[in-house]
Amino acid sequence: MPFELGMTVTWAKLNPTLHTWFVCETQRYRVDRSLSDLGGTDPNIHDGTISGVMRELCNAFVRRNGPRPTVPQMVKSYRIVARRKEAIMIDAGADSLFEARVFEDLVYAAKALVEP
């Protein structure tokens, strides 16, 4: 991950109007110990919980326009999509959530929850 994060930071420095980056972490101060080059960066600490991840996503993307779901709404959507995960993987014949088709189907399922 340090390599990918380094590429991300470099890309953002070269293209400041095109790219924004965030660091998410489960524990406070761990980034300071493991990646000292990020001194001065405020990581989004999610405490390793679903609610914490949703909270930090809301914090990270607060600058975006459009609808602003609440953390409870996001957790509810997560739980509904998570229940569909196995069926989506079976339908795609997949072994991993990180296969392109599975990811696309998960995105579709999540969008269907919020679009009229």
N, C-alpha and C. Protein backbone atom coordinates (compact mmCIF):
# COMPACT_ATOMS: atom_id res chain seq x y z
N MET A 1 0.79 -1.20 0.00
CA MET A 1 0.00 0.00 0.00
C MET A 1 0.84 1.28 0.00
N PRO A 2 1.97 1.34 0.66
CA PRO A 2 2.75 2.58 0.62
C PRO A 2 3.11 2.99 -0.81
N PHE A 3 3.39 2.01 -1.68
CA PHE A 3 3.73 2.32 -3.06
C PHE A 3 2.56 2.99 -3.78
N GLU A 4 1.37 2.38 -3.65
CA GLU A 4 0.18 2.93 -4.30
C GLU A 4 -0.17 4.30 -3.75
N LEU A 5 -0.02 4.47 -2.44
CA LEU A 5 -0.30 5.77 -1.84
C LEU A 5 0.69 6.81 -2.35
N GLY A 6 1.93 6.43 -2.49
CA GLY A 6 2.94 7.34 -3.04
C GLY A 6 2.58 7.78 -4.46
N MET A 7 2.12 6.84 -5.27
CA MET A 7 1.70 7.18 -6.62
C MET A 7 0.50 8.13 -6.59
N THR A 8 -0.41 7.88 -5.67
CA THR A 8 -1.60 8.73 -5.55
C THR A 8 -1.24 10.15 -5.17
N VAL A 9 -0.37 10.29 -4.18
CA VAL A 9 0.05 11.62 -3.72
C VAL A 9 0.79 12.35 -4.84
N THR A 10 1.65 11.64 -5.55
CA THR A 10 2.37 12.26 -6.66
C THR A 10 1.42 12.72 -7.74
N TRP A 11 0.47 11.88 -8.11
CA TRP A 11 -0.52 12.24 -9.13
C TRP A 11 -1.30 13.49 -8.71
N ALA A 12 -1.69 13.55 -7.44
CA ALA A 12 -2.44 14.70 -6.94
C ALA A 12 -1.58 15.97 -6.99
N LYS A 13 -0.28 15.84 -6.70
CA LYS A 13 0.60 17.02 -6.76
C LYS A 13 0.78 17.50 -8.20
N LEU A 14 0.82 16.56 -9.13
CA LEU A 14 0.99 16.92 -10.53
C LEU A 14 -0.31 17.42 -11.16
N ASN A 15 -1.44 16.99 -10.62
CA ASN A 15 -2.76 17.33 -11.17
C ASN A 15 -3.71 17.78 -10.06
N PRO A 16 -3.40 18.87 -9.39
CA PRO A 16 -4.18 19.24 -8.20
C PRO A 16 -5.66 19.51 -8.46
N THR A 17 -6.01 19.91 -9.67
CA THR A 17 -7.43 20.18 -9.93
C THR A 17 -8.19 18.93 -10.35
N LEU A 18 -7.47 17.86 -10.63
CA LEU A 18 -8.10 16.64 -11.13
C LEU A 18 -8.20 15.52 -10.11
N HIS A 19 -7.47 15.65 -9.01
CA HIS A 19 -7.38 14.49 -8.13
C HIS A 19 -7.32 14.91 -6.66
N THR A 20 -8.11 14.24 -5.86
CA THR A 20 -8.09 14.43 -4.41
C THR A 20 -7.88 13.06 -3.79
N TRP A 21 -7.15 12.99 -2.71
CA TRP A 21 -6.90 11.70 -2.07
C TRP A 21 -7.16 11.78 -0.58
N PHE A 22 -7.43 10.62 -0.01
CA PHE A 22 -7.72 10.49 1.41
C PHE A 22 -6.99 9.26 1.93
N VAL A 23 -6.65 9.29 3.19
CA VAL A 23 -6.07 8.12 3.85
C VAL A 23 -7.07 7.68 4.91
N CYS A 24 -7.45 6.41 4.84
CA CYS A 24 -8.35 5.85 5.84
C CYS A 24 -7.56 4.86 6.69
N GLU A 25 -7.83 4.85 7.96
CA GLU A 25 -7.09 4.01 8.89
C GLU A 25 -8.02 3.60 10.02
N THR A 26 -7.76 2.44 10.61
CA THR A 26 -8.59 1.98 11.72
C THR A 26 -8.18 2.60 13.04
N GLN A 27 -6.90 2.94 13.19
CA GLN A 27 -6.41 3.43 14.48
C GLN A 27 -5.74 4.79 14.35
N ARG A 28 -6.00 5.64 15.34
CA ARG A 28 -5.36 6.96 15.37
C ARG A 28 -3.84 6.79 15.53
N TYR A 29 -3.11 7.65 14.92
CA TYR A 29 -1.65 7.76 15.03
C TYR A 29 -0.88 6.62 14.36
N ARG A 30 -1.54 5.58 13.87
CA ARG A 30 -0.81 4.49 13.24
C ARG A 30 -0.16 4.95 11.93
N VAL A 31 -0.83 5.84 11.20
CA VAL A 31 -0.24 6.36 9.97
C VAL A 31 1.05 7.10 10.29
N ASP A 32 1.05 7.87 11.38
CA ASP A 32 2.27 8.61 11.76
C ASP A 32 3.44 7.67 12.01
N ARG A 33 3.16 6.49 12.57
CA ARG A 33 4.23 5.54 12.86
C ARG A 33 4.67 4.77 11.62
N SER A 34 3.71 4.44 10.75
CA SER A 34 4.06 3.58 9.62
C SER A 34 4.44 4.35 8.36
N LEU A 35 3.91 5.55 8.18
CA LEU A 35 4.21 6.34 6.99
C LEU A 35 4.55 7.77 7.40
N SER A 36 5.73 7.95 7.91
CA SER A 36 6.12 9.25 8.45
C SER A 36 6.11 10.34 7.38
N ASP A 37 6.21 9.98 6.11
CA ASP A 37 6.18 10.98 5.05
C ASP A 37 4.84 11.69 4.95
N LEU A 38 3.81 11.14 5.58
CA LEU A 38 2.49 11.75 5.53
C LEU A 38 2.24 12.69 6.69
N GLY A 39 3.28 13.09 7.38
CA GLY A 39 3.12 14.03 8.48
C GLY A 39 2.35 15.25 8.00
N GLY A 40 1.39 15.68 8.79
CA GLY A 40 0.56 16.81 8.41
C GLY A 40 -0.71 16.40 7.69
N THR A 41 -0.83 15.12 7.34
CA THR A 41 -2.04 14.62 6.70
C THR A 41 -2.97 14.12 7.79
N ASP A 42 -4.22 14.50 7.72
CA ASP A 42 -5.21 14.03 8.68
C ASP A 42 -5.93 12.82 8.11
N PRO A 43 -5.58 11.61 8.57
CA PRO A 43 -6.26 10.43 8.06
C PRO A 43 -7.69 10.36 8.58
N ASN A 44 -8.53 9.69 7.81
CA ASN A 44 -9.91 9.44 8.22
C ASN A 44 -9.92 8.16 9.05
N ILE A 45 -10.14 8.29 10.36
CA ILE A 45 -10.09 7.15 11.28
C ILE A 45 -11.49 6.55 11.40
N HIS A 46 -11.62 5.29 10.95
CA HIS A 46 -12.94 4.66 10.93
C HIS A 46 -13.16 3.63 12.03
N ASP A 47 -12.18 3.41 12.86
CA ASP A 47 -12.30 2.51 14.01
C ASP A 47 -12.60 1.06 13.64
N GLY A 48 -12.46 0.70 12.37
CA GLY A 48 -12.68 -0.67 11.95
C GLY A 48 -14.12 -1.12 12.00
N THR A 49 -15.05 -0.18 11.95
CA THR A 49 -16.47 -0.53 11.99
C THR A 49 -17.17 -0.06 10.71
N ILE A 50 -18.29 -0.70 10.39
CA ILE A 50 -19.06 -0.30 9.22
C ILE A 50 -19.54 1.14 9.38
N SER A 51 -20.09 1.46 10.54
CA SER A 51 -20.56 2.83 10.78
C SER A 51 -19.41 3.83 10.67
N GLY A 52 -18.25 3.44 11.19
CA GLY A 52 -17.09 4.31 11.11
C GLY A 52 -16.64 4.55 9.68
N VAL A 53 -16.64 3.50 8.86
CA VAL A 53 -16.28 3.66 7.44
C VAL A 53 -17.27 4.59 6.76
N MET A 54 -18.55 4.38 7.00
CA MET A 54 -19.57 5.24 6.37
C MET A 54 -19.43 6.68 6.86
N ARG A 55 -19.16 6.88 8.13
CA ARG A 55 -18.96 8.22 8.68
C ARG A 55 -17.80 8.92 7.98
N GLU A 56 -16.69 8.19 7.83
CA GLU A 56 -15.51 8.79 7.22
C GLU A 56 -15.68 9.01 5.72
N LEU A 57 -16.46 8.17 5.07
CA LEU A 57 -16.78 8.44 3.66
C LEU A 57 -17.60 9.73 3.54
N CYS A 58 -18.55 9.91 4.45
CA CYS A 58 -19.32 11.16 4.48
C CYS A 58 -18.39 12.35 4.71
N ASN A 59 -17.43 12.21 5.60
CA ASN A 59 -16.48 13.29 5.86
C ASN A 59 -15.58 13.55 4.65
N ALA A 60 -15.11 12.49 4.03
CA ALA A 60 -14.19 12.64 2.90
C ALA A 60 -14.87 13.31 1.71
N PHE A 61 -16.12 12.98 1.47
CA PHE A 61 -16.81 13.48 0.28
C PHE A 61 -17.80 14.60 0.59
N VAL A 62 -17.62 15.28 1.70
CA VAL A 62 -18.52 16.35 2.08
C VAL A 62 -18.51 17.49 1.07
N ARG A 63 -17.44 17.63 0.31
CA ARG A 63 -17.34 18.70 -0.68
C ARG A 63 -18.17 18.45 -1.93
N ARG A 64 -18.64 17.24 -2.10
CA ARG A 64 -19.38 16.89 -3.32
C ARG A 64 -20.78 17.51 -3.29
N ASN A 65 -21.27 17.84 -4.48
CA ASN A 65 -22.64 18.34 -4.61
C ASN A 65 -23.59 17.17 -4.69
N GLY A 66 -24.87 17.45 -4.60
CA GLY A 66 -25.87 16.41 -4.76
C GLY A 66 -26.37 15.91 -3.43
N PRO A 67 -27.07 14.77 -3.48
CA PRO A 67 -27.65 14.24 -2.24
C PRO A 67 -26.58 13.87 -1.23
N ARG A 68 -26.91 14.07 0.03
CA ARG A 68 -25.97 13.77 1.10
C ARG A 68 -26.63 12.78 2.05
N PRO A 69 -26.41 11.49 1.80
CA PRO A 69 -27.04 10.49 2.66
C PRO A 69 -26.48 10.55 4.07
N THR A 70 -27.28 10.12 5.01
CA THR A 70 -26.83 10.07 6.40
C THR A 70 -26.07 8.75 6.62
N VAL A 71 -25.35 8.69 7.71
CA VAL A 71 -24.63 7.45 8.04
C VAL A 71 -25.62 6.29 8.23
N PRO A 72 -26.73 6.48 8.98
CA PRO A 72 -27.67 5.36 9.09
C PRO A 72 -28.23 4.90 7.74
N GLN A 73 -28.48 5.82 6.81
CA GLN A 73 -28.95 5.43 5.48
C GLN A 73 -27.89 4.62 4.75
N MET A 74 -26.64 5.03 4.86
CA MET A 74 -25.56 4.31 4.20
C MET A 74 -25.37 2.92 4.80
N VAL A 75 -25.45 2.82 6.11
CA VAL A 75 -25.31 1.51 6.77
C VAL A 75 -26.45 0.59 6.34
N LYS A 76 -27.66 1.12 6.27
CA LYS A 76 -28.81 0.32 5.83
C LYS A 76 -28.58 -0.19 4.41
N SER A 77 -28.13 0.68 3.51
CA SER A 77 -27.85 0.27 2.13
C SER A 77 -26.76 -0.80 2.10
N TYR A 78 -25.71 -0.59 2.89
CA TYR A 78 -24.63 -1.58 2.96
C TYR A 78 -25.17 -2.95 3.36
N ARG A 79 -26.00 -2.98 4.39
CA ARG A 79 -26.52 -4.26 4.88
C ARG A 79 -27.38 -4.96 3.82
N ILE A 80 -28.18 -4.19 3.09
CA ILE A 80 -29.02 -4.77 2.03
C ILE A 80 -28.14 -5.34 0.93
N VAL A 81 -27.15 -4.58 0.48
CA VAL A 81 -26.26 -5.05 -0.57
C VAL A 81 -25.44 -6.24 -0.09
N ALA A 82 -24.99 -6.21 1.16
CA ALA A 82 -24.21 -7.32 1.70
C ALA A 82 -25.01 -8.62 1.69
N ARG A 83 -26.32 -8.52 1.94
CA ARG A 83 -27.16 -9.73 1.90
C ARG A 83 -27.27 -10.28 0.48
N ARG A 84 -27.10 -9.45 -0.52
CA ARG A 84 -27.19 -9.88 -1.92
C ARG A 84 -25.85 -10.37 -2.47
N LYS A 85 -24.81 -10.18 -1.70
CA LYS A 85 -23.44 -10.48 -2.14
C LYS A 85 -23.29 -11.91 -2.64
N GLU A 86 -23.75 -12.88 -1.88
CA GLU A 86 -23.57 -14.28 -2.27
C GLU A 86 -24.27 -14.59 -3.58
N ALA A 87 -25.51 -14.12 -3.74
CA ALA A 87 -26.25 -14.36 -4.98
C ALA A 87 -25.56 -13.72 -6.16
N ILE A 88 -25.03 -12.52 -5.96
CA ILE A 88 -24.32 -11.82 -7.04
C ILE A 88 -23.07 -12.62 -7.44
N MET A 89 -22.35 -13.13 -6.46
CA MET A 89 -21.14 -13.90 -6.77
C MET A 89 -21.49 -15.20 -7.49
N ILE A 90 -22.57 -15.87 -7.07
CA ILE A 90 -23.00 -17.11 -7.73
C ILE A 90 -23.40 -16.82 -9.16
N ASP A 91 -24.21 -15.76 -9.36
CA ASP A 91 -24.66 -15.41 -10.71
C ASP A 91 -23.49 -15.09 -11.63
N ALA A 92 -22.44 -14.51 -11.09
CA ALA A 92 -21.26 -14.14 -11.89
C ALA A 92 -20.26 -15.29 -11.99
N GLY A 93 -20.48 -16.38 -11.24
CA GLY A 93 -19.53 -17.49 -11.23
C GLY A 93 -18.19 -17.06 -10.66
N ALA A 94 -18.23 -16.17 -9.68
CA ALA A 94 -17.01 -15.55 -9.17
C ALA A 94 -16.59 -16.13 -7.82
N ASP A 95 -15.30 -16.03 -7.55
CA ASP A 95 -14.73 -16.45 -6.28
C ASP A 95 -14.37 -15.27 -5.39
N SER A 96 -14.42 -14.06 -5.95
CA SER A 96 -13.98 -12.88 -5.23
C SER A 96 -14.91 -11.71 -5.47
N LEU A 97 -15.05 -10.88 -4.45
CA LEU A 97 -15.83 -9.65 -4.60
C LEU A 97 -15.13 -8.64 -5.51
N PHE A 98 -13.85 -8.83 -5.75
CA PHE A 98 -13.06 -7.85 -6.47
C PHE A 98 -12.93 -8.14 -7.95
N GLU A 99 -13.75 -9.04 -8.45
CA GLU A 99 -13.79 -9.27 -9.89
C GLU A 99 -14.65 -8.18 -10.52
N ALA A 100 -14.32 -7.80 -11.74
CA ALA A 100 -14.98 -6.66 -12.39
C ALA A 100 -16.50 -6.82 -12.44
N ARG A 101 -16.98 -7.98 -12.84
CA ARG A 101 -18.43 -8.19 -12.97
C ARG A 101 -19.11 -8.09 -11.61
N VAL A 102 -18.53 -8.69 -10.59
CA VAL A 102 -19.12 -8.65 -9.25
C VAL A 102 -19.17 -7.22 -8.75
N PHE A 103 -18.09 -6.50 -8.90
CA PHE A 103 -18.06 -5.12 -8.44
C PHE A 103 -19.13 -4.29 -9.14
N GLU A 104 -19.24 -4.46 -10.45
CA GLU A 104 -20.25 -3.72 -11.21
C GLU A 104 -21.66 -4.07 -10.75
N ASP A 105 -21.91 -5.35 -10.47
CA ASP A 105 -23.23 -5.77 -10.00
C ASP A 105 -23.51 -5.22 -8.59
N LEU A 106 -22.50 -5.16 -7.75
CA LEU A 106 -22.68 -4.57 -6.41
C LEU A 106 -23.01 -3.08 -6.52
N VAL A 107 -22.32 -2.39 -7.42
CA VAL A 107 -22.61 -0.97 -7.64
C VAL A 107 -24.03 -0.80 -8.14
N TYR A 108 -24.44 -1.64 -9.07
CA TYR A 108 -25.81 -1.58 -9.61
C TYR A 108 -26.83 -1.80 -8.50
N ALA A 109 -26.59 -2.79 -7.65
CA ALA A 109 -27.51 -3.08 -6.55
C ALA A 109 -27.59 -1.89 -5.58
N ALA A 110 -26.45 -1.27 -5.31
CA ALA A 110 -26.45 -0.11 -4.40
C ALA A 110 -27.18 1.07 -5.01
N LYS A 111 -26.96 1.31 -6.31
CA LYS A 111 -27.64 2.42 -6.97
C LYS A 111 -29.15 2.21 -6.99
N ALA A 112 -29.57 0.97 -7.18
CA ALA A 112 -31.00 0.67 -7.23
C ALA A 112 -31.69 1.02 -5.91
N LEU A 113 -30.95 1.02 -4.83
CA LEU A 113 -31.54 1.37 -3.53
C LEU A 113 -31.82 2.85 -3.38
N VAL A 114 -31.08 3.67 -4.09
CA VAL A 114 -31.21 5.12 -3.88
C VAL A 114 -31.86 5.85 -5.04
N GLU A 115 -31.93 5.22 -6.21
CA GLU A 115 -32.55 5.90 -7.34
C GLU A 115 -34.05 5.62 -7.37
N PRO A 116 -34.83 6.66 -7.73
CA PRO A 116 -36.30 6.48 -7.78
C PRO A 116 -36.74 5.56 -8.89
